[in-house]
Amino acid sequence: MRMQIWDTAGQERFRCMVPMYMRDAAAAIIVFDITSRKSFDDVEKWIHELDRCSVEFNPILMIVGNKCDLADQRQVAHGEGLTKAYKYGAKYYEISAFDSNEINTMLFDLAKEFHNKKNVRIEQEKSLPILLCQQDGQQHSQRRRNCCSLG
């Protein structure tokens, strides 16, 4: 499985590019800084942006608290992150990009969840009913003539 990860860093200068990245996203990892309350408060904004821009019906969502190596500067409790993740049906992780703590676990879990979702979708598509409709040939050709004829 190949994963492409687009990091916009939540910066305003990349704001206009975000919808393009979200459009075809099968998953989203929304990362906030556990030492910044504002960063945590912005998580909901990014989730709403994902809902607005995504063509994928229900992309996999992960909410990630970064900088867990700076626990003494924490402004967002672990339980708050869990509560927000639960509210949006997301998985919650706390990582440290500084020392790579839990990053591999998180990405491996994302790959597993994507694989499982893909398998469920295949099974659902197998069970969809196929409806066959017989059309009156006269109506069909009439429709074609009106729609497609140049003469």
N, C-alpha and C. Protein backbone atom coordinates (compact mmCIF):
# COMPACT_ATOMS: atom_id res chain seq x y z
N MET A 1 0.84 -1.17 0.00
CA MET A 1 0.00 0.00 0.00
C MET A 1 0.89 1.24 0.00
N ARG A 2 0.52 2.19 -0.83
CA ARG A 2 1.28 3.43 -0.91
C ARG A 2 0.44 4.56 -0.33
N MET A 3 1.02 5.32 0.57
CA MET A 3 0.31 6.45 1.18
C MET A 3 1.02 7.73 0.80
N GLN A 4 0.24 8.73 0.41
CA GLN A 4 0.78 10.06 0.18
C GLN A 4 0.29 10.94 1.32
N ILE A 5 1.21 11.59 1.98
CA ILE A 5 0.85 12.44 3.11
C ILE A 5 1.18 13.88 2.73
N TRP A 6 0.16 14.72 2.76
CA TRP A 6 0.31 16.13 2.43
C TRP A 6 0.24 16.93 3.73
N ASP A 7 1.30 17.64 4.03
CA ASP A 7 1.36 18.41 5.27
C ASP A 7 1.24 19.89 4.95
N THR A 8 0.11 20.49 5.31
CA THR A 8 -0.08 21.92 5.08
C THR A 8 0.27 22.73 6.31
N ALA A 9 0.56 22.08 7.40
CA ALA A 9 1.00 22.70 8.65
C ALA A 9 0.00 23.71 9.20
N GLY A 10 -1.22 23.74 8.68
CA GLY A 10 -2.25 24.63 9.20
C GLY A 10 -1.95 26.10 9.01
N GLN A 11 -0.97 26.41 8.20
CA GLN A 11 -0.58 27.80 8.01
C GLN A 11 -1.49 28.49 7.01
N GLU A 12 -1.81 29.74 7.27
CA GLU A 12 -2.72 30.51 6.42
C GLU A 12 -2.23 30.60 4.98
N ARG A 13 -0.93 30.65 4.76
CA ARG A 13 -0.43 30.80 3.39
C ARG A 13 -0.73 29.57 2.54
N PHE A 14 -1.00 28.43 3.17
CA PHE A 14 -1.37 27.22 2.43
C PHE A 14 -2.88 27.01 2.39
N ARG A 15 -3.63 27.90 3.01
CA ARG A 15 -5.08 27.74 3.16
C ARG A 15 -5.79 27.51 1.83
N CYS A 16 -5.40 28.23 0.78
CA CYS A 16 -6.07 28.09 -0.51
C CYS A 16 -5.79 26.73 -1.16
N MET A 17 -4.74 26.05 -0.76
CA MET A 17 -4.39 24.75 -1.35
C MET A 17 -5.08 23.58 -0.65
N VAL A 18 -5.50 23.79 0.58
CA VAL A 18 -6.05 22.71 1.39
C VAL A 18 -7.24 22.01 0.74
N PRO A 19 -8.24 22.73 0.20
CA PRO A 19 -9.37 22.03 -0.43
C PRO A 19 -8.94 21.09 -1.55
N MET A 20 -7.90 21.46 -2.29
CA MET A 20 -7.41 20.60 -3.36
C MET A 20 -6.88 19.27 -2.78
N TYR A 21 -6.18 19.33 -1.69
CA TYR A 21 -5.65 18.12 -1.07
C TYR A 21 -6.77 17.29 -0.44
N MET A 22 -7.75 17.96 0.14
CA MET A 22 -8.84 17.25 0.82
C MET A 22 -9.81 16.59 -0.15
N ARG A 23 -9.90 17.10 -1.34
CA ARG A 23 -10.91 16.66 -2.30
C ARG A 23 -10.91 15.15 -2.51
N ASP A 24 -9.76 14.58 -2.75
CA ASP A 24 -9.67 13.14 -3.03
C ASP A 24 -9.12 12.34 -1.86
N ALA A 25 -9.10 12.93 -0.70
CA ALA A 25 -8.51 12.26 0.46
C ALA A 25 -9.38 11.10 0.94
N ALA A 26 -8.77 9.95 1.08
CA ALA A 26 -9.46 8.79 1.66
C ALA A 26 -9.34 8.81 3.17
N ALA A 27 -8.42 9.64 3.66
CA ALA A 27 -8.20 9.74 5.10
C ALA A 27 -7.64 11.13 5.41
N ALA A 28 -7.83 11.55 6.64
CA ALA A 28 -7.26 12.82 7.08
C ALA A 28 -6.70 12.66 8.48
N ILE A 29 -5.52 13.20 8.67
CA ILE A 29 -4.90 13.25 9.99
C ILE A 29 -4.85 14.72 10.37
N ILE A 30 -5.64 15.09 11.34
CA ILE A 30 -5.67 16.48 11.79
C ILE A 30 -4.84 16.56 13.06
N VAL A 31 -3.76 17.32 12.97
CA VAL A 31 -2.77 17.38 14.05
C VAL A 31 -2.88 18.73 14.76
N PHE A 32 -2.87 18.68 16.07
CA PHE A 32 -2.82 19.90 16.86
C PHE A 32 -1.67 19.81 17.85
N ASP A 33 -1.29 20.95 18.37
CA ASP A 33 -0.19 21.07 19.32
C ASP A 33 -0.77 21.02 20.73
N ILE A 34 -0.39 20.02 21.52
CA ILE A 34 -0.96 19.90 22.87
C ILE A 34 -0.55 21.05 23.79
N THR A 35 0.44 21.85 23.36
CA THR A 35 0.86 23.00 24.16
C THR A 35 0.16 24.28 23.71
N SER A 36 -0.83 24.16 22.82
CA SER A 36 -1.54 25.34 22.30
C SER A 36 -3.04 25.09 22.28
N ARG A 37 -3.76 25.77 23.14
CA ARG A 37 -5.22 25.65 23.18
C ARG A 37 -5.84 26.07 21.84
N LYS A 38 -5.33 27.15 21.23
CA LYS A 38 -5.87 27.61 19.95
C LYS A 38 -5.74 26.54 18.88
N SER A 39 -4.62 25.88 18.85
CA SER A 39 -4.40 24.81 17.89
C SER A 39 -5.46 23.71 18.06
N PHE A 40 -5.76 23.37 19.29
CA PHE A 40 -6.79 22.36 19.58
C PHE A 40 -8.17 22.85 19.16
N ASP A 41 -8.46 24.11 19.44
CA ASP A 41 -9.76 24.68 19.07
C ASP A 41 -9.96 24.70 17.55
N ASP A 42 -8.87 24.81 16.80
CA ASP A 42 -8.95 24.83 15.33
C ASP A 42 -9.25 23.46 14.72
N VAL A 43 -9.15 22.40 15.50
CA VAL A 43 -9.41 21.05 14.98
C VAL A 43 -10.81 20.98 14.36
N GLU A 44 -11.79 21.52 15.03
CA GLU A 44 -13.16 21.47 14.50
C GLU A 44 -13.27 22.21 13.17
N LYS A 45 -12.57 23.32 13.05
CA LYS A 45 -12.57 24.07 11.78
C LYS A 45 -12.05 23.19 10.65
N TRP A 46 -10.99 22.44 10.92
CA TRP A 46 -10.41 21.58 9.88
C TRP A 46 -11.33 20.41 9.56
N ILE A 47 -12.02 19.89 10.56
CA ILE A 47 -12.97 18.80 10.31
C ILE A 47 -14.12 19.30 9.43
N HIS A 48 -14.63 20.49 9.71
CA HIS A 48 -15.71 21.05 8.89
C HIS A 48 -15.22 21.31 7.47
N GLU A 49 -13.98 21.75 7.34
CA GLU A 49 -13.39 21.98 6.02
C GLU A 49 -13.27 20.65 5.25
N LEU A 50 -12.89 19.60 5.95
CA LEU A 50 -12.82 18.28 5.33
C LEU A 50 -14.20 17.84 4.84
N ASP A 51 -15.21 18.00 5.68
CA ASP A 51 -16.58 17.65 5.30
C ASP A 51 -17.03 18.43 4.07
N ARG A 52 -16.66 19.69 4.01
CA ARG A 52 -17.08 20.55 2.91
C ARG A 52 -16.38 20.19 1.59
N CYS A 53 -15.12 19.82 1.66
CA CYS A 53 -14.31 19.66 0.45
C CYS A 53 -14.18 18.23 -0.05
N SER A 54 -14.35 17.27 0.81
CA SER A 54 -14.06 15.88 0.46
C SER A 54 -15.13 15.28 -0.44
N VAL A 55 -14.68 14.59 -1.50
CA VAL A 55 -15.61 13.84 -2.34
C VAL A 55 -15.79 12.42 -1.80
N GLU A 56 -14.88 12.00 -0.97
CA GLU A 56 -14.98 10.69 -0.31
C GLU A 56 -16.11 10.79 0.71
N PHE A 57 -17.04 9.85 0.68
CA PHE A 57 -18.22 9.93 1.54
C PHE A 57 -17.87 10.04 3.02
N ASN A 58 -17.00 9.19 3.48
CA ASN A 58 -16.70 9.16 4.90
C ASN A 58 -15.21 8.86 5.07
N PRO A 59 -14.35 9.86 4.85
CA PRO A 59 -12.92 9.57 4.95
C PRO A 59 -12.53 9.16 6.37
N ILE A 60 -11.54 8.34 6.47
CA ILE A 60 -11.01 7.94 7.77
C ILE A 60 -10.43 9.19 8.42
N LEU A 61 -10.73 9.37 9.69
CA LEU A 61 -10.28 10.57 10.39
C LEU A 61 -9.48 10.19 11.62
N MET A 62 -8.33 10.84 11.75
CA MET A 62 -7.51 10.69 12.95
C MET A 62 -7.23 12.08 13.49
N ILE A 63 -7.39 12.22 14.78
CA ILE A 63 -7.03 13.47 15.46
C ILE A 63 -5.79 13.17 16.29
N VAL A 64 -4.77 13.99 16.11
CA VAL A 64 -3.47 13.70 16.69
C VAL A 64 -2.96 14.90 17.48
N GLY A 65 -2.65 14.65 18.75
CA GLY A 65 -2.01 15.66 19.58
C GLY A 65 -0.51 15.50 19.45
N ASN A 66 0.17 16.54 18.99
CA ASN A 66 1.61 16.50 18.80
C ASN A 66 2.32 17.18 19.98
N LYS A 67 3.58 16.90 20.09
CA LYS A 67 4.47 17.46 21.13
C LYS A 67 4.22 16.84 22.49
N CYS A 68 3.90 15.56 22.53
CA CYS A 68 3.69 14.91 23.83
C CYS A 68 4.99 14.84 24.64
N ASP A 69 6.12 15.14 24.00
CA ASP A 69 7.39 15.21 24.72
C ASP A 69 7.47 16.47 25.59
N LEU A 70 6.54 17.41 25.37
CA LEU A 70 6.50 18.65 26.16
C LEU A 70 5.33 18.63 27.14
N ALA A 71 5.16 17.52 27.81
CA ALA A 71 4.01 17.32 28.71
C ALA A 71 3.92 18.39 29.79
N ASP A 72 5.06 18.92 30.22
CA ASP A 72 5.04 19.95 31.27
C ASP A 72 4.46 21.28 30.77
N GLN A 73 4.33 21.44 29.45
CA GLN A 73 3.74 22.66 28.87
C GLN A 73 2.34 22.41 28.31
N ARG A 74 1.79 21.27 28.61
CA ARG A 74 0.49 20.85 28.07
C ARG A 74 -0.61 21.84 28.43
N GLN A 75 -1.41 22.22 27.41
CA GLN A 75 -2.60 23.05 27.61
C GLN A 75 -3.88 22.29 27.27
N VAL A 76 -3.72 21.12 26.67
CA VAL A 76 -4.88 20.31 26.28
C VAL A 76 -4.73 18.94 26.94
N ALA A 77 -5.68 18.60 27.78
CA ALA A 77 -5.63 17.31 28.48
C ALA A 77 -5.88 16.16 27.50
N HIS A 78 -5.27 15.04 27.80
CA HIS A 78 -5.44 13.84 26.97
C HIS A 78 -6.93 13.51 26.79
N GLY A 79 -7.69 13.61 27.87
CA GLY A 79 -9.12 13.31 27.82
C GLY A 79 -9.89 14.22 26.89
N GLU A 80 -9.46 15.48 26.77
CA GLU A 80 -10.13 16.40 25.85
C GLU A 80 -9.94 15.95 24.40
N GLY A 81 -8.75 15.50 24.10
CA GLY A 81 -8.49 14.98 22.75
C GLY A 81 -9.32 13.76 22.46
N LEU A 82 -9.39 12.85 23.43
CA LEU A 82 -10.21 11.64 23.27
C LEU A 82 -11.68 11.98 23.06
N THR A 83 -12.18 12.94 23.83
CA THR A 83 -13.58 13.34 23.73
C THR A 83 -13.89 13.91 22.34
N LYS A 84 -13.00 14.76 21.85
CA LYS A 84 -13.22 15.35 20.52
C LYS A 84 -13.16 14.27 19.44
N ALA A 85 -12.23 13.35 19.56
CA ALA A 85 -12.12 12.26 18.58
C ALA A 85 -13.39 11.42 18.60
N TYR A 86 -13.89 11.11 19.77
CA TYR A 86 -15.12 10.32 19.90
C TYR A 86 -16.29 11.04 19.25
N LYS A 87 -16.37 12.34 19.47
CA LYS A 87 -17.46 13.16 18.91
C LYS A 87 -17.51 13.05 17.39
N TYR A 88 -16.37 12.93 16.75
CA TYR A 88 -16.30 12.90 15.28
C TYR A 88 -16.02 11.50 14.72
N GLY A 89 -16.07 10.49 15.57
CA GLY A 89 -15.83 9.13 15.09
C GLY A 89 -14.41 8.91 14.61
N ALA A 90 -13.48 9.60 15.24
CA ALA A 90 -12.08 9.53 14.85
C ALA A 90 -11.28 8.72 15.86
N LYS A 91 -10.11 8.29 15.43
CA LYS A 91 -9.16 7.70 16.37
C LYS A 91 -8.30 8.83 16.92
N TYR A 92 -7.81 8.65 18.14
CA TYR A 92 -7.00 9.68 18.77
C TYR A 92 -5.63 9.13 19.14
N TYR A 93 -4.61 9.92 18.83
CA TYR A 93 -3.24 9.56 19.17
C TYR A 93 -2.55 10.79 19.75
N GLU A 94 -1.57 10.55 20.57
CA GLU A 94 -0.65 11.59 20.97
C GLU A 94 0.73 11.13 20.56
N ILE A 95 1.43 12.02 19.88
CA ILE A 95 2.73 11.68 19.32
C ILE A 95 3.74 12.76 19.67
N SER A 96 4.98 12.47 19.36
CA SER A 96 6.04 13.47 19.41
C SER A 96 6.79 13.38 18.09
N ALA A 97 6.66 14.41 17.27
CA ALA A 97 7.41 14.44 16.02
C ALA A 97 8.90 14.58 16.31
N PHE A 98 9.23 15.14 17.46
CA PHE A 98 10.62 15.34 17.85
C PHE A 98 11.35 14.02 18.03
N ASP A 99 10.73 13.08 18.73
CA ASP A 99 11.41 11.80 18.96
C ASP A 99 10.70 10.62 18.28
N SER A 100 9.84 10.92 17.33
CA SER A 100 9.12 9.91 16.52
C SER A 100 8.23 8.99 17.35
N ASN A 101 7.93 9.37 18.57
CA ASN A 101 7.11 8.55 19.45
C ASN A 101 5.73 8.32 18.85
N GLU A 102 5.37 7.08 18.65
CA GLU A 102 4.04 6.64 18.20
C GLU A 102 3.69 6.97 16.74
N ILE A 103 4.56 7.62 15.99
CA ILE A 103 4.22 7.97 14.60
C ILE A 103 4.04 6.72 13.75
N ASN A 104 4.96 5.77 13.86
CA ASN A 104 4.84 4.54 13.06
C ASN A 104 3.59 3.77 13.43
N THR A 105 3.27 3.71 14.71
CA THR A 105 2.05 3.01 15.15
C THR A 105 0.82 3.66 14.53
N MET A 106 0.78 4.98 14.58
CA MET A 106 -0.36 5.71 14.03
C MET A 106 -0.51 5.45 12.53
N LEU A 107 0.58 5.53 11.78
CA LEU A 107 0.50 5.31 10.33
C LEU A 107 0.16 3.87 9.99
N PHE A 108 0.67 2.93 10.77
CA PHE A 108 0.32 1.52 10.56
C PHE A 108 -1.17 1.31 10.82
N ASP A 109 -1.69 1.90 11.89
CA ASP A 109 -3.13 1.79 12.19
C ASP A 109 -3.97 2.42 11.08
N LEU A 110 -3.50 3.53 10.54
CA LEU A 110 -4.22 4.17 9.43
C LEU A 110 -4.26 3.24 8.22
N ALA A 111 -3.14 2.63 7.89
CA ALA A 111 -3.10 1.71 6.75
C ALA A 111 -4.03 0.52 6.98
N LYS A 112 -4.04 -0.03 8.20
CA LYS A 112 -4.94 -1.15 8.51
C LYS A 112 -6.40 -0.73 8.37
N GLU A 113 -6.73 0.44 8.90
CA GLU A 113 -8.12 0.91 8.84
C GLU A 113 -8.55 1.16 7.40
N PHE A 114 -7.66 1.72 6.60
CA PHE A 114 -7.97 1.95 5.19
C PHE A 114 -8.20 0.63 4.48
N HIS A 115 -7.33 -0.34 4.74
CA HIS A 115 -7.47 -1.66 4.12
C HIS A 115 -8.79 -2.31 4.52
N ASN A 116 -9.14 -2.24 5.80
CA ASN A 116 -10.41 -2.82 6.27
C ASN A 116 -11.60 -2.12 5.64
N LYS A 117 -11.54 -0.80 5.55
CA LYS A 117 -12.64 -0.03 4.95
C LYS A 117 -12.81 -0.40 3.48
N LYS A 118 -11.69 -0.57 2.81
CA LYS A 118 -11.73 -0.95 1.39
C LYS A 118 -12.39 -2.31 1.23
N ASN A 119 -12.04 -3.26 2.10
CA ASN A 119 -12.64 -4.60 2.03
C ASN A 119 -14.14 -4.56 2.31
N VAL A 120 -14.55 -3.75 3.27
CA VAL A 120 -15.98 -3.62 3.59
C VAL A 120 -16.72 -3.04 2.39
N ARG A 121 -16.14 -2.04 1.76
CA ARG A 121 -16.77 -1.42 0.59
C ARG A 121 -16.92 -2.43 -0.55
N ILE A 122 -15.92 -3.26 -0.76
CA ILE A 122 -16.00 -4.29 -1.81
C ILE A 122 -17.12 -5.25 -1.50
N GLU A 123 -17.24 -5.68 -0.25
CA GLU A 123 -18.32 -6.60 0.14
C GLU A 123 -19.68 -5.95 -0.03
N GLN A 124 -19.80 -4.68 0.32
CA GLN A 124 -21.08 -3.99 0.16
C GLN A 124 -21.46 -3.87 -1.31
N GLU A 125 -20.47 -3.60 -2.16
CA GLU A 125 -20.76 -3.48 -3.59
C GLU A 125 -21.18 -4.82 -4.18
N LYS A 126 -20.64 -5.91 -3.65
CA LYS A 126 -21.03 -7.24 -4.13
C LYS A 126 -22.49 -7.52 -3.82
N SER A 127 -22.99 -6.96 -2.72
CA SER A 127 -24.35 -7.27 -2.30
C SER A 127 -25.39 -6.28 -2.83
N LEU A 128 -24.96 -5.29 -3.60
CA LEU A 128 -25.92 -4.34 -4.15
C LEU A 128 -26.78 -5.02 -5.21
N PRO A 129 -28.09 -4.79 -5.18
CA PRO A 129 -28.95 -5.40 -6.19
C PRO A 129 -28.74 -4.74 -7.55
N ILE A 130 -28.91 -5.52 -8.59
CA ILE A 130 -28.84 -5.00 -9.95
C ILE A 130 -30.25 -4.97 -10.48
N LEU A 131 -30.69 -3.80 -10.88
CA LEU A 131 -32.04 -3.64 -11.40
C LEU A 131 -31.99 -3.60 -12.92
N LEU A 132 -32.76 -4.45 -13.54
CA LEU A 132 -32.84 -4.47 -14.99
C LEU A 132 -34.18 -3.89 -15.40
N CYS A 133 -34.15 -2.94 -16.29
CA CYS A 133 -35.38 -2.32 -16.76
C CYS A 133 -35.46 -2.49 -18.27
N GLN A 134 -36.60 -2.88 -18.74
CA GLN A 134 -36.81 -3.02 -20.17
C GLN A 134 -37.43 -1.73 -20.67
N GLN A 135 -36.80 -1.14 -21.66
CA GLN A 135 -37.34 0.09 -22.21
C GLN A 135 -38.02 -0.20 -23.53
N ASP A 136 -39.02 0.56 -23.82
CA ASP A 136 -39.68 0.47 -25.11
C ASP A 136 -38.71 0.99 -26.16
N GLY A 137 -38.40 0.20 -27.16
CA GLY A 137 -37.45 0.56 -28.20
C GLY A 137 -37.84 1.84 -28.92
N GLN A 138 -39.12 2.07 -29.13
CA GLN A 138 -39.59 3.27 -29.81
C GLN A 138 -39.22 4.52 -29.01
N GLN A 139 -39.47 4.48 -27.71
CA GLN A 139 -39.15 5.64 -26.88
C GLN A 139 -37.64 5.88 -26.85
N HIS A 140 -36.88 4.80 -26.78
CA HIS A 140 -35.43 4.91 -26.71
C HIS A 140 -34.88 5.60 -27.96
N SER A 141 -35.34 5.15 -29.12
CA SER A 141 -34.82 5.74 -30.34
C SER A 141 -35.30 7.18 -30.49
N GLN A 142 -36.51 7.48 -30.02
CA GLN A 142 -37.02 8.85 -30.06
C GLN A 142 -36.14 9.75 -29.20
N ARG A 143 -35.82 9.28 -28.01
CA ARG A 143 -34.98 10.05 -27.11
C ARG A 143 -33.61 10.30 -27.75
N ARG A 144 -33.07 9.28 -28.37
CA ARG A 144 -31.76 9.39 -28.99
C ARG A 144 -31.81 10.42 -30.11
N ARG A 145 -32.87 10.37 -30.91
CA ARG A 145 -32.97 11.28 -32.05
C ARG A 145 -33.03 12.73 -31.54
N ASN A 146 -33.80 12.98 -30.51
CA ASN A 146 -33.91 14.34 -29.99
C ASN A 146 -32.63 14.81 -29.32
N CYS A 147 -31.97 13.88 -28.68
CA CYS A 147 -30.79 14.24 -27.91
C CYS A 147 -29.55 14.39 -28.78
N CYS A 148 -29.37 13.48 -29.69
CA CYS A 148 -28.06 13.37 -30.32
C CYS A 148 -28.05 13.68 -31.82
N SER A 149 -29.17 13.84 -32.46
CA SER A 149 -29.15 14.01 -33.92
C SER A 149 -28.74 15.43 -34.29
N LEU A 150 -28.09 15.53 -35.41
CA LEU A 150 -27.66 16.83 -35.91
C LEU A 150 -28.59 17.32 -37.02
N GLY A 151 -29.44 16.44 -37.53
CA GLY A 151 -30.28 16.79 -38.67
C GLY A 151 -31.60 17.15 -38.24
